[in-house]
Amino acid sequence: MELYRVLLVDDEEDIRVGISRKMDWNSLGFTLVGEAENGEEALELAEQLQPDVVLTDIKMPFMDGLELCRCLRQSLPAAKVVVFSGFDDFEYARQAIGMEVFEYILKPINAPELGQVLTRLREHLDRRQSERRDMEALRRRYEENLPILRELFYTRLLSGQVAPDQINDRAARYDISLQDGLWTTALIHVDLSVGDENAERDELLLLPVRDFFQDRFALEGCSVRSILYNDAVALLVCMDSPDRLYPLLEELERLCILAKSYLGIPLTAGVGQLCDGPQDLHCSAEGARSALDYRVLIEGSHVLYIDDLEPDHSVRLSFEEEDQRALSAAVKLGTDQQVSQVIRELVDRVRTSRLSPAQGNQFLLEIVTFLMKLTRSAGASVEEVFGADFNWLGSITDFPSLDELAQWLESRCQSLRALLGKRRSDSAGRTMERALDFIAQNYSHSDLSVEALCSHLHFSPAYFSTLFKREVGQSFTTYVTNLRMEEAARLLRETDEKTYLIAEKIGYTDPNYFSYVFKRHFGLSPSKYRGQPRS
């Protein structure tokens, strides 16, 4: 049987040693994978070890147990927390219960009592795993509760198949309340690898995902409706203010992480642009679908927001949507071979359909016009892709053969593809330059955070964190800590300022915590570091 992973957090070493030695972890169904002496250290270990259970004291230096619970609820939402404290204080218990803590235990802790708690906790975790495996039970629950007419209405709304003047009448007929406010669409994609044993059960896997998001979405000022939509789960979200957008992206990030732990299903969410009402949800759904196309390029991010990726969206043309999507994906994200394949298939359609010259010219003009739209949406000039003398008044008969026409189209597409790749890389570089400049100017502020930086840059935190780690090679927190520590070391070497003043200068309001971080970084306390002989 696989053992559940436990992280033990207490600032008193004798208590940690007592608990770790007295408990027969394996027989209870657990394994102790790590220990921490404060909340800050526990957060770092939790990110590395991914424990199923966290046993934590309440009163600790730097970060207490309740603050640790708040942080874990966002970063490790599937973990179960058991809190213990020497203070028989109802307020602590009330706050702990409010954060969904599994158990609150008063010190001194004895092995039998903790063993009973762990036994109940193991039974709870076992039930959760059993529910996760019971896909058939979830499918039956879905079928019993699915309101077919409502589902069809929402699906047609996302596809743009309900006339705007009929939306309210049909909603009232199905007893659906369409709230006033801003709307957006999120598409939840199940990330199944080729050869995955569940790959043939895509539709079945979508059922628990749909219920999971409907049941667990919780964001003040937002309402959500979760439905099956084509090969994804669609979330129709209404919010009372545009300020809810970034909190929405964070909530979707949390739920994607939680779903991986609860259901064992890796997910990616694509989020479309905001719109003024449900009549425009089909446009937002199209943006969400385009955002999902980028998941192969932006690894590690669970939520992709279209305005982070494509500030200007190309206008869709009249030739078939499937053709348009395939050509756009090949140019934006594909290889030269994929571009060639899409173009050859389009030109072969002209060949096999035996179109008249006029019909062939119209089809070709639609392709060229669409490529021009893609060029302009990328902020590039037509001349950069089609040449300085380009003036499309030609005909399909200007080419000696359809093969030469295909070669010309392939060449234009590959030029556009290279241009998009360069601009995307340049944009990421410029963003990191602005981010690093902002950090350099503000690292001395104690309230410097990813959220503050993203507000300055107008990026969503989840996407920015992935971009920062990819471009810089380390997380935001690690980078800021290293910068502060190097500056602290310089001040200790070159000045006689008091340690607490140096701590304030680099953004630490608590000199004791500064000393703790400094020693962990350099292996010496600030005073011993200053006393070292200099070469």
Protein backbone atom coordinates (compact mmCIF):
# COMPACT_ATOMS: atom_id res chain seq x y z
CA MET A 1 0.00 0.00 0.00
CA GLU A 2 1.33 3.45 -0.87
CA LEU A 3 2.03 5.50 2.27
CA TYR A 4 0.74 9.04 2.69
CA ARG A 5 3.47 11.71 3.02
CA VAL A 6 3.67 13.79 6.22
CA LEU A 7 5.48 17.10 6.90
CA LEU A 8 6.01 17.96 10.60
CA VAL A 9 6.33 21.64 11.61
CA ASP A 10 7.21 22.85 15.13
CA ASP A 11 9.79 25.34 16.41
CA GLU A 12 10.60 23.11 19.42
CA GLU A 13 13.09 20.43 18.41
CA ASP A 14 12.27 18.12 21.34
CA ILE A 15 8.61 18.04 20.32
CA ARG A 16 9.53 17.22 16.71
CA VAL A 17 11.88 14.48 17.85
CA GLY A 18 9.28 13.08 20.26
CA ILE A 19 6.53 12.92 17.64
CA SER A 20 8.77 11.50 14.92
CA ARG A 21 10.12 8.73 17.19
CA LYS A 22 6.99 7.76 19.12
CA MET A 23 4.67 7.30 16.15
CA ASP A 24 4.65 4.01 14.25
CA TRP A 25 4.16 5.83 10.95
CA ASN A 26 4.16 2.83 8.61
CA SER A 27 1.54 0.88 10.52
CA LEU A 28 -0.70 3.95 10.49
CA GLY A 29 -0.30 4.25 6.72
CA PHE A 30 2.06 7.26 6.68
CA THR A 31 5.71 8.16 6.15
CA LEU A 32 7.42 11.20 7.65
CA VAL A 33 9.15 12.92 4.70
CA GLY A 34 10.36 16.16 6.31
CA GLU A 35 10.53 18.45 9.33
CA ALA A 36 10.57 22.26 9.59
CA GLU A 37 11.07 24.66 12.49
CA ASN A 38 8.89 27.54 11.22
CA GLY A 39 6.22 28.35 8.66
CA GLU A 40 8.57 29.95 6.12
CA GLU A 41 10.76 26.85 6.00
CA ALA A 42 7.68 24.62 5.90
CA LEU A 43 6.35 26.41 2.79
CA GLU A 44 9.62 25.80 0.94
CA LEU A 45 9.68 22.12 1.96
CA ALA A 46 6.02 21.68 1.02
CA GLU A 47 6.77 22.93 -2.50
CA GLN A 48 9.60 20.37 -2.82
CA LEU A 49 8.06 17.38 -1.01
CA GLN A 50 4.35 17.77 -1.92
CA PRO A 51 3.09 16.21 1.35
CA ASP A 52 -0.40 14.77 1.72
CA VAL A 53 -0.56 15.84 5.39
CA VAL A 54 0.97 18.77 7.33
CA LEU A 55 1.17 18.58 11.14
CA THR A 56 1.89 22.09 12.43
CA ASP A 57 2.16 24.05 15.65
CA ILE A 58 0.28 27.37 15.96
CA LYS A 59 2.83 29.63 17.65
CA MET A 60 6.13 29.80 15.73
CA PRO A 61 8.59 32.57 14.75
CA PHE A 62 8.53 34.32 11.37
CA MET A 63 5.27 32.70 10.23
CA ASP A 64 2.74 31.11 12.59
CA GLY A 65 0.67 28.02 11.92
CA LEU A 66 -2.49 29.86 10.89
CA GLU A 67 -0.64 31.92 8.27
CA LEU A 68 0.98 28.70 7.04
CA CYS A 69 -2.53 27.20 6.68
CA ARG A 70 -3.62 30.19 4.58
CA CYS A 71 -0.62 29.86 2.29
CA LEU A 72 -0.99 26.08 1.93
CA ARG A 73 -4.65 26.47 0.99
CA GLN A 74 -3.50 28.34 -2.13
CA SER A 75 -0.24 26.56 -3.00
CA LEU A 76 -1.06 22.98 -1.87
CA PRO A 77 -4.87 22.87 -1.65
CA ALA A 78 -5.12 19.06 -1.54
CA ALA A 79 -2.98 18.71 1.60
CA LYS A 80 -4.78 18.01 4.88
CA VAL A 81 -3.63 20.05 7.89
CA VAL A 82 -3.64 19.03 11.56
CA VAL A 83 -2.98 21.94 13.95
CA PHE A 84 -1.75 21.60 17.54
CA SER A 85 -1.21 24.30 20.13
CA GLY A 86 -0.53 24.84 23.80
CA PHE A 87 -3.16 27.56 23.97
CA ASP A 88 -6.72 26.51 24.81
CA ASP A 89 -8.03 29.44 22.80
CA PHE A 90 -11.40 29.29 21.06
CA GLU A 91 -10.34 31.98 18.57
CA TYR A 92 -7.46 29.80 17.29
CA ALA A 93 -9.83 26.87 16.90
CA ARG A 94 -12.42 29.03 15.13
CA GLN A 95 -9.88 30.35 12.63
CA ALA A 96 -8.45 26.88 12.03
CA ILE A 97 -11.91 25.42 11.34
CA GLY A 98 -12.61 28.30 8.98
CA MET A 99 -9.57 27.27 6.91
CA GLU A 100 -10.79 23.67 6.61
CA VAL A 101 -8.17 22.31 9.05
CA PHE A 102 -8.77 18.58 9.55
CA GLU A 103 -8.16 18.52 13.32
CA TYR A 104 -7.19 20.90 16.15
CA ILE A 105 -5.23 19.23 19.00
CA LEU A 106 -4.20 20.79 22.32
CA LYS A 107 -0.70 20.23 23.66
CA PRO A 108 0.80 18.25 25.29
CA ILE A 109 0.37 15.72 22.52
CA ASN A 110 0.35 12.03 23.35
CA ALA A 111 0.98 9.23 20.89
CA PRO A 112 -2.41 7.46 21.32
CA GLU A 113 -4.38 10.66 20.65
CA LEU A 114 -2.31 11.58 17.60
CA GLY A 115 -2.55 7.98 16.40
CA GLN A 116 -6.36 8.17 16.52
CA VAL A 117 -6.29 11.41 14.53
CA LEU A 118 -3.97 9.90 11.93
CA THR A 119 -6.18 6.81 11.67
CA ARG A 120 -9.23 8.99 10.92
CA LEU A 121 -7.15 11.03 8.51
CA ARG A 122 -5.96 7.92 6.68
CA GLU A 123 -9.56 6.70 6.36
CA HIS A 124 -10.52 10.10 4.93
CA LEU A 125 -7.65 10.03 2.42
CA ASP A 126 -8.49 6.43 1.47
CA ARG A 127 -12.10 7.44 0.79
CA ARG A 128 -10.89 10.33 -1.34
CA GLN A 129 -8.72 8.00 -3.40
CA SER A 130 -11.59 5.54 -3.73
CA GLU A 131 -13.90 8.29 -4.96
CA ARG A 132 -11.26 9.35 -7.44
CA ARG A 133 -11.12 5.84 -8.88
CA ASP A 134 -14.85 5.45 -9.00
CA MET A 135 -15.30 7.12 -12.36
CA GLU A 136 -18.39 5.08 -13.11
CA ALA A 137 -20.18 6.39 -10.01
CA LEU A 138 -19.37 9.96 -11.02
CA ARG A 139 -20.68 9.28 -14.50
CA ARG A 140 -24.01 8.02 -13.10
CA ARG A 141 -24.29 11.06 -10.86
CA TYR A 142 -23.67 13.28 -13.86
CA GLU A 143 -26.34 11.57 -15.96
CA GLU A 144 -28.92 11.76 -13.18
CA ASN A 145 -28.44 15.50 -12.63
CA LEU A 146 -27.76 16.80 -16.11
CA PRO A 147 -30.47 19.21 -17.29
CA ILE A 148 -30.36 18.45 -21.00
CA LEU A 149 -32.13 21.56 -22.25
CA ARG A 150 -29.96 23.88 -20.20
CA GLU A 151 -26.83 22.13 -21.40
CA LEU A 152 -27.94 22.50 -25.00
CA PHE A 153 -28.75 26.20 -24.48
CA TYR A 154 -25.31 26.93 -23.03
CA THR A 155 -23.59 24.96 -25.79
CA ARG A 156 -25.44 26.86 -28.51
CA LEU A 157 -24.68 30.13 -26.73
CA LEU A 158 -20.94 29.38 -26.83
CA SER A 159 -21.20 28.43 -30.50
CA GLY A 160 -22.97 31.68 -31.41
CA GLN A 161 -26.09 29.78 -32.53
CA VAL A 162 -28.63 31.71 -30.43
CA ALA A 163 -29.84 35.00 -31.88
CA PRO A 164 -29.15 37.89 -29.47
CA ASP A 165 -32.83 38.89 -29.34
CA GLN A 166 -33.79 35.31 -28.34
CA ILE A 167 -31.28 34.78 -25.53
CA ASN A 168 -33.36 36.19 -22.67
CA ASP A 169 -36.57 34.46 -23.79
CA ARG A 170 -34.88 31.07 -24.04
CA ALA A 171 -33.07 31.56 -20.73
CA ALA A 172 -36.37 32.34 -19.01
CA ARG A 173 -37.97 29.27 -20.62
CA TYR A 174 -35.28 27.06 -19.07
CA ASP A 175 -35.37 28.92 -15.73
CA ILE A 176 -31.84 30.24 -16.21
CA SER A 177 -30.79 33.52 -14.63
CA LEU A 178 -28.37 35.49 -16.81
CA GLN A 179 -26.86 38.11 -14.51
CA ASP A 180 -25.81 41.60 -15.45
CA GLY A 181 -22.05 42.11 -15.51
CA LEU A 182 -18.96 41.19 -17.48
CA TRP A 183 -18.70 37.68 -18.91
CA THR A 184 -15.87 35.45 -20.01
CA THR A 185 -15.36 31.85 -21.10
CA ALA A 186 -12.76 29.43 -19.77
CA LEU A 187 -12.14 26.12 -21.54
CA ILE A 188 -10.67 23.33 -19.38
CA HIS A 189 -8.58 20.89 -21.40
CA VAL A 190 -7.65 17.39 -20.15
CA ASP A 191 -3.93 16.92 -20.84
CA LEU A 192 -3.62 13.25 -21.79
CA SER A 193 -0.33 12.06 -23.25
CA VAL A 194 -0.19 9.90 -26.35
CA GLY A 195 -0.33 6.29 -25.24
CA ASP A 196 -1.99 7.15 -21.91
CA GLU A 197 -4.17 4.26 -20.79
CA ASN A 198 -7.03 6.74 -20.26
CA ALA A 199 -6.67 8.31 -23.70
CA GLU A 200 -9.71 6.45 -25.04
CA ARG A 201 -11.85 7.67 -22.15
CA ASP A 202 -11.67 11.42 -22.86
CA GLU A 203 -15.41 11.99 -22.66
CA LEU A 204 -15.73 9.97 -19.46
CA LEU A 205 -12.87 11.92 -17.85
CA LEU A 206 -14.63 15.19 -18.65
CA LEU A 207 -17.61 14.24 -16.48
CA PRO A 208 -15.90 14.45 -13.07
CA VAL A 209 -13.96 17.52 -14.21
CA ARG A 210 -17.21 19.28 -15.04
CA ASP A 211 -18.72 18.47 -11.62
CA PHE A 212 -15.45 19.29 -9.84
CA PHE A 213 -15.32 22.87 -11.14
CA GLN A 214 -19.04 23.45 -10.61
CA ASP A 215 -18.87 22.25 -7.00
CA ARG A 216 -15.58 23.79 -5.89
CA PHE A 217 -15.38 27.14 -7.71
CA ALA A 218 -15.51 29.82 -5.00
CA LEU A 219 -14.72 33.44 -5.83
CA GLU A 220 -16.57 36.41 -4.39
CA GLY A 221 -18.20 38.57 -7.04
CA CYS A 222 -18.20 35.79 -9.64
CA SER A 223 -20.74 33.15 -10.64
CA VAL A 224 -19.97 30.17 -12.85
CA ARG A 225 -21.77 27.57 -14.94
CA SER A 226 -19.81 24.46 -15.94
CA ILE A 227 -20.78 22.43 -19.03
CA LEU A 228 -19.33 19.92 -21.46
CA TYR A 229 -18.38 21.68 -24.68
CA ASN A 230 -16.91 19.76 -27.62
CA ASP A 231 -13.71 18.14 -26.29
CA ALA A 232 -13.40 20.33 -23.19
CA VAL A 233 -15.22 21.59 -20.12
CA ALA A 234 -16.45 25.17 -20.55
CA LEU A 235 -16.91 27.60 -17.67
CA LEU A 236 -19.29 30.51 -18.33
CA VAL A 237 -18.23 33.11 -15.78
CA CYS A 238 -20.04 36.33 -14.87
CA MET A 239 -18.23 38.90 -12.71
CA ASP A 240 -19.39 42.14 -11.15
CA SER A 241 -16.19 44.08 -11.92
CA PRO A 242 -13.17 43.86 -14.26
CA ASP A 243 -11.05 43.81 -11.09
CA ARG A 244 -12.19 40.19 -10.61
CA LEU A 245 -10.26 39.02 -13.68
CA TYR A 246 -6.88 38.29 -12.09
CA PRO A 247 -8.43 36.73 -8.96
CA LEU A 248 -10.40 34.53 -11.40
CA LEU A 249 -7.16 33.38 -13.05
CA GLU A 250 -5.69 32.58 -9.61
CA GLU A 251 -8.81 30.62 -8.63
CA LEU A 252 -8.62 28.57 -11.84
CA GLU A 253 -4.92 27.90 -11.13
CA ARG A 254 -5.84 26.63 -7.65
CA LEU A 255 -8.58 24.38 -8.97
CA CYS A 256 -6.36 22.88 -11.70
CA ILE A 257 -3.76 21.97 -9.05
CA LEU A 258 -6.46 20.59 -6.75
CA ALA A 259 -8.01 18.51 -9.55
CA LYS A 260 -4.65 16.85 -10.21
CA SER A 261 -4.56 15.68 -6.58
CA TYR A 262 -8.25 14.74 -6.24
CA LEU A 263 -8.96 13.26 -9.66
CA GLY A 264 -5.49 12.39 -10.92
CA ILE A 265 -6.20 14.37 -14.09
CA PRO A 266 -3.76 17.04 -15.41
CA LEU A 267 -5.66 20.11 -16.66
CA THR A 268 -4.99 23.34 -18.55
CA ALA A 269 -7.43 26.27 -18.62
CA GLY A 270 -7.65 28.69 -21.56
CA VAL A 271 -9.43 31.95 -20.73
CA GLY A 272 -10.98 34.24 -23.35
CA GLN A 273 -11.36 38.00 -23.33
CA LEU A 274 -14.01 39.78 -21.27
CA CYS A 275 -17.28 40.65 -23.01
CA ASP A 276 -20.26 42.83 -22.09
CA GLY A 277 -22.92 40.14 -22.07
CA PRO A 278 -23.81 36.50 -22.83
CA GLN A 279 -24.56 37.40 -26.45
CA ASP A 280 -20.76 37.72 -27.03
CA LEU A 281 -19.67 34.59 -25.18
CA HIS A 282 -18.95 32.82 -28.46
CA CYS A 283 -16.20 35.40 -29.15
CA SER A 284 -14.73 34.81 -25.70
CA ALA A 285 -14.88 31.03 -26.30
CA GLU A 286 -12.91 31.49 -29.50
CA GLY A 287 -10.27 33.43 -27.55
CA ALA A 288 -10.14 30.69 -24.91
CA ARG A 289 -9.62 28.07 -27.62
CA SER A 290 -6.77 30.13 -29.10
CA ALA A 291 -5.18 30.45 -25.64
CA LEU A 292 -5.17 26.65 -25.27
CA ASP A 293 -3.19 26.38 -28.51
CA TYR A 294 -0.23 27.87 -26.60
CA ARG A 295 -0.06 25.15 -23.96
CA VAL A 296 2.65 23.30 -25.92
CA LEU A 297 4.87 26.42 -25.78
CA ILE A 298 4.24 27.56 -22.21
CA GLU A 299 4.94 24.53 -20.06
CA GLY A 300 4.24 24.62 -16.36
CA SER A 301 1.33 27.06 -16.44
CA HIS A 302 -2.13 25.70 -15.70
CA VAL A 303 -3.98 28.86 -16.81
CA LEU A 304 -3.45 30.70 -20.11
CA TYR A 305 -5.21 34.05 -20.61
CA ILE A 306 -5.57 35.14 -24.23
CA ASP A 307 -4.75 38.81 -23.56
CA ASP A 308 -1.44 37.73 -22.01
CA LEU A 309 -0.59 35.92 -25.24
CA GLU A 310 -2.27 37.80 -28.09
CA PRO A 311 -3.04 41.45 -27.25
CA ASP A 312 -4.65 41.85 -30.68
CA HIS A 313 -6.93 39.09 -32.02
CA SER A 314 -7.22 38.41 -35.72
CA VAL A 315 -10.62 38.66 -37.34
CA ARG A 316 -11.99 35.34 -38.54
CA LEU A 317 -12.67 35.07 -42.25
CA SER A 318 -15.46 33.44 -44.19
CA PHE A 319 -13.68 30.29 -45.34
CA GLU A 320 -14.24 27.26 -43.14
CA GLU A 321 -13.42 27.71 -39.46
CA GLU A 322 -11.57 24.38 -39.34
CA ASP A 323 -9.26 25.50 -42.17
CA GLN A 324 -8.70 28.82 -40.49
CA ARG A 325 -7.83 27.22 -37.15
CA ALA A 326 -5.46 24.69 -38.72
CA LEU A 327 -3.59 27.37 -40.70
CA SER A 328 -3.36 29.71 -37.69
CA ALA A 329 -2.06 26.93 -35.41
CA ALA A 330 0.55 25.82 -37.95
CA VAL A 331 1.85 29.36 -38.48
CA LYS A 332 1.84 30.35 -34.81
CA LEU A 333 2.90 27.11 -33.15
CA GLY A 334 3.84 24.51 -35.76
CA THR A 335 6.95 23.40 -37.63
CA ASP A 336 7.89 24.04 -41.27
CA GLN A 337 6.60 20.54 -42.05
CA GLN A 338 3.23 21.26 -40.43
CA VAL A 339 2.91 24.54 -42.34
CA SER A 340 3.69 22.68 -45.55
CA GLN A 341 1.09 20.00 -44.79
CA VAL A 342 -1.72 22.51 -44.15
CA ILE A 343 -0.93 24.49 -47.33
CA ARG A 344 -0.70 21.33 -49.45
CA GLU A 345 -4.09 20.15 -48.16
CA LEU A 346 -5.68 23.51 -49.04
CA VAL A 347 -4.17 23.57 -52.52
CA ASP A 348 -5.09 19.91 -53.10
CA ARG A 349 -8.69 20.88 -52.39
CA VAL A 350 -8.52 23.28 -55.33
CA ARG A 351 -6.98 20.54 -57.44
CA THR A 352 -9.53 17.82 -56.61
CA SER A 353 -12.60 20.07 -56.59
CA ARG A 354 -11.97 21.24 -60.17
CA LEU A 355 -12.98 24.80 -59.36
CA SER A 356 -13.42 27.38 -62.08
CA PRO A 357 -10.67 30.04 -62.27
CA ALA A 358 -12.99 32.55 -60.55
CA GLN A 359 -13.78 30.16 -57.71
CA GLY A 360 -10.10 29.24 -57.33
CA ASN A 361 -9.13 32.91 -57.19
CA GLN A 362 -11.70 33.55 -54.47
CA PHE A 363 -10.43 30.64 -52.39
CA LEU A 364 -6.81 31.76 -52.81
CA LEU A 365 -7.74 35.35 -51.95
CA GLU A 366 -9.31 34.15 -48.69
CA ILE A 367 -6.10 32.35 -47.75
CA VAL A 368 -3.89 35.35 -48.59
CA THR A 369 -6.23 37.77 -46.81
CA PHE A 370 -6.19 35.59 -43.71
CA LEU A 371 -2.36 35.54 -43.71
CA MET A 372 -2.37 39.33 -44.00
CA LYS A 373 -4.71 39.52 -40.99
CA LEU A 374 -2.37 37.28 -39.00
CA THR A 375 0.53 39.52 -40.01
CA ARG A 376 -1.22 42.72 -38.88
CA SER A 377 -2.46 41.14 -35.62
CA ALA A 378 1.18 40.40 -34.79
CA GLY A 379 2.01 44.09 -35.21
CA ALA A 380 4.08 43.43 -38.36
CA SER A 381 3.81 45.06 -41.77
CA VAL A 382 2.61 43.16 -44.82
CA GLU A 383 5.87 44.05 -46.56
CA GLU A 384 7.89 42.12 -43.95
CA VAL A 385 6.11 38.90 -44.95
CA PHE A 386 5.09 39.39 -48.57
CA GLY A 387 7.88 41.69 -49.81
CA ALA A 388 8.21 45.42 -50.48
CA ASP A 389 6.48 45.30 -53.89
CA PHE A 390 3.56 43.16 -52.79
CA ASN A 391 0.20 44.30 -54.20
CA TRP A 392 -2.21 41.40 -54.40
CA LEU A 393 -4.13 41.81 -57.61
CA GLY A 394 -2.96 38.51 -59.01
CA SER A 395 -4.75 35.39 -60.10
CA ILE A 396 -4.34 31.71 -59.54
CA THR A 397 -3.44 31.50 -63.22
CA ASP A 398 -0.33 33.66 -62.60
CA PHE A 399 1.38 30.51 -61.33
CA PRO A 400 2.58 27.88 -63.80
CA SER A 401 1.19 25.10 -61.61
CA LEU A 402 -0.64 24.50 -58.36
CA ASP A 403 2.61 23.09 -56.96
CA GLU A 404 4.34 26.44 -57.49
CA LEU A 405 1.36 28.19 -55.92
CA ALA A 406 1.74 25.90 -52.88
CA GLN A 407 5.48 26.69 -52.69
CA TRP A 408 4.77 30.44 -52.74
CA LEU A 409 2.16 30.13 -49.96
CA GLU A 410 4.49 27.93 -47.90
CA SER A 411 7.27 30.49 -48.23
CA ARG A 412 4.97 33.33 -47.04
CA CYS A 413 3.72 31.24 -44.11
CA GLN A 414 7.23 30.28 -43.05
CA SER A 415 8.34 33.92 -43.17
CA LEU A 416 5.39 34.87 -40.99
CA ARG A 417 6.08 31.97 -38.62
CA ALA A 418 9.72 33.07 -38.15
CA LEU A 419 8.62 36.68 -37.58
CA LEU A 420 6.05 35.67 -34.94
CA GLY A 421 8.63 33.53 -33.12
CA LYS A 422 11.13 36.39 -33.03
CA ARG A 423 8.56 38.92 -31.80
CA ARG A 424 7.32 36.51 -29.15
CA SER A 425 10.90 35.99 -27.91
CA ASP A 426 11.64 39.73 -28.02
CA SER A 427 8.43 40.48 -26.12
CA ALA A 428 9.35 38.01 -23.36
CA GLY A 429 12.82 39.56 -23.14
CA ARG A 430 11.44 43.09 -22.87
CA THR A 431 9.00 41.98 -20.20
CA MET A 432 11.82 40.45 -18.14
CA GLU A 433 13.93 43.62 -18.53
CA ARG A 434 11.05 45.69 -17.14
CA ALA A 435 10.47 43.15 -14.37
CA LEU A 436 14.13 43.02 -13.29
CA ASP A 437 14.35 46.82 -13.41
CA PHE A 438 11.27 47.09 -11.19
CA ILE A 439 12.75 44.55 -8.74
CA ALA A 440 16.09 46.40 -8.65
CA GLN A 441 14.29 49.64 -7.78
CA ASN A 442 11.90 48.14 -5.23
CA TYR A 443 13.65 45.20 -3.53
CA SER A 444 14.17 47.40 -0.47
CA HIS A 445 10.37 47.57 0.04
CA SER A 446 9.08 44.91 2.41
CA ASP A 447 5.78 44.64 0.50
CA LEU A 448 7.42 43.71 -2.83
CA SER A 449 5.48 40.72 -4.25
CA VAL A 450 4.60 38.96 -7.49
CA GLU A 451 1.17 40.58 -7.31
CA ALA A 452 2.63 44.09 -7.01
CA LEU A 453 5.01 43.45 -9.91
CA CYS A 454 2.24 41.98 -12.10
CA SER A 455 0.00 44.97 -11.34
CA HIS A 456 2.83 47.21 -12.59
CA LEU A 457 3.39 45.10 -15.72
CA HIS A 458 -0.33 44.32 -16.32
CA PHE A 459 0.22 40.54 -16.38
CA SER A 460 -1.60 37.74 -14.62
CA PRO A 461 0.49 36.31 -11.73
CA ALA A 462 0.20 32.66 -12.81
CA TYR A 463 1.44 33.35 -16.37
CA PHE A 464 4.15 35.77 -15.21
CA SER A 465 5.56 33.30 -12.65
CA THR A 466 5.98 30.67 -15.39
CA LEU A 467 7.52 33.22 -17.78
CA PHE A 468 9.89 34.55 -15.08
CA LYS A 469 11.18 31.09 -14.14
CA ARG A 470 11.65 30.17 -17.81
CA GLU A 471 13.53 33.37 -18.72
CA VAL A 472 15.52 33.97 -15.50
CA GLY A 473 16.09 30.34 -14.45
CA GLN A 474 14.78 30.70 -10.90
CA SER A 475 11.57 31.64 -9.13
CA PHE A 476 10.64 35.24 -8.28
CA THR A 477 11.05 34.60 -4.53
CA THR A 478 14.49 33.02 -4.94
CA TYR A 479 15.69 35.83 -7.20
CA VAL A 480 14.57 38.59 -4.79
CA THR A 481 16.05 36.75 -1.79
CA ASN A 482 19.42 36.32 -3.56
CA LEU A 483 19.44 40.00 -4.57
CA ARG A 484 18.70 41.11 -1.01
CA MET A 485 21.32 38.80 0.47
CA GLU A 486 24.06 40.01 -1.89
CA GLU A 487 23.25 43.62 -1.02
CA ALA A 488 23.25 42.77 2.70
CA ALA A 489 26.65 41.11 2.36
CA ARG A 490 28.02 44.18 0.59
CA LEU A 491 26.74 46.52 3.32
CA LEU A 492 28.20 44.28 6.03
CA ARG A 493 31.57 44.31 4.30
CA GLU A 494 31.72 47.97 3.37
CA THR A 495 29.85 49.81 6.17
CA ASP A 496 29.60 49.81 9.95
CA GLU A 497 25.80 50.11 9.99
CA LYS A 498 23.83 48.14 12.55
CA THR A 499 22.37 44.84 11.40
CA TYR A 500 18.78 45.97 11.99
CA LEU A 501 19.37 49.05 9.77
CA ILE A 502 20.78 46.88 7.01
CA ALA A 503 17.75 44.59 7.33
CA GLU A 504 15.40 47.57 6.85
CA LYS A 505 17.38 48.81 3.86
CA ILE A 506 16.89 45.54 1.96
CA GLY A 507 13.23 45.03 2.78
CA TYR A 508 13.10 43.03 6.04
CA THR A 509 10.96 44.50 8.81
CA ASP A 510 11.96 41.74 11.28
CA PRO A 511 15.75 41.76 11.97
CA ASN A 512 15.53 38.28 13.54
CA TYR A 513 14.03 36.85 10.37
CA PHE A 514 16.68 38.68 8.31
CA SER A 515 19.40 37.02 10.40
CA TYR A 516 17.71 33.62 9.94
CA VAL A 517 17.57 34.01 6.14
CA PHE A 518 21.13 35.38 5.97
CA LYS A 519 22.53 32.43 7.92
CA ARG A 520 20.63 29.97 5.78
CA HIS A 521 21.97 31.68 2.62
CA PHE A 522 25.64 32.13 3.60
CA GLY A 523 26.06 29.60 6.43
CA LEU A 524 27.09 32.37 8.83
CA SER A 525 25.22 34.89 10.97
CA PRO A 526 25.54 38.56 9.88
CA SER A 527 27.87 39.34 12.81
CA LYS A 528 30.18 36.40 12.06
CA TYR A 529 30.15 37.23 8.36
CA ARG A 530 31.20 40.82 9.16
CA GLY A 531 33.98 39.55 11.42
CA GLN A 532 35.56 37.38 8.73
CA PRO A 533 39.03 38.48 7.54
CA ARG A 534 38.87 40.01 4.05
CA SER A 535 41.37 39.09 1.39
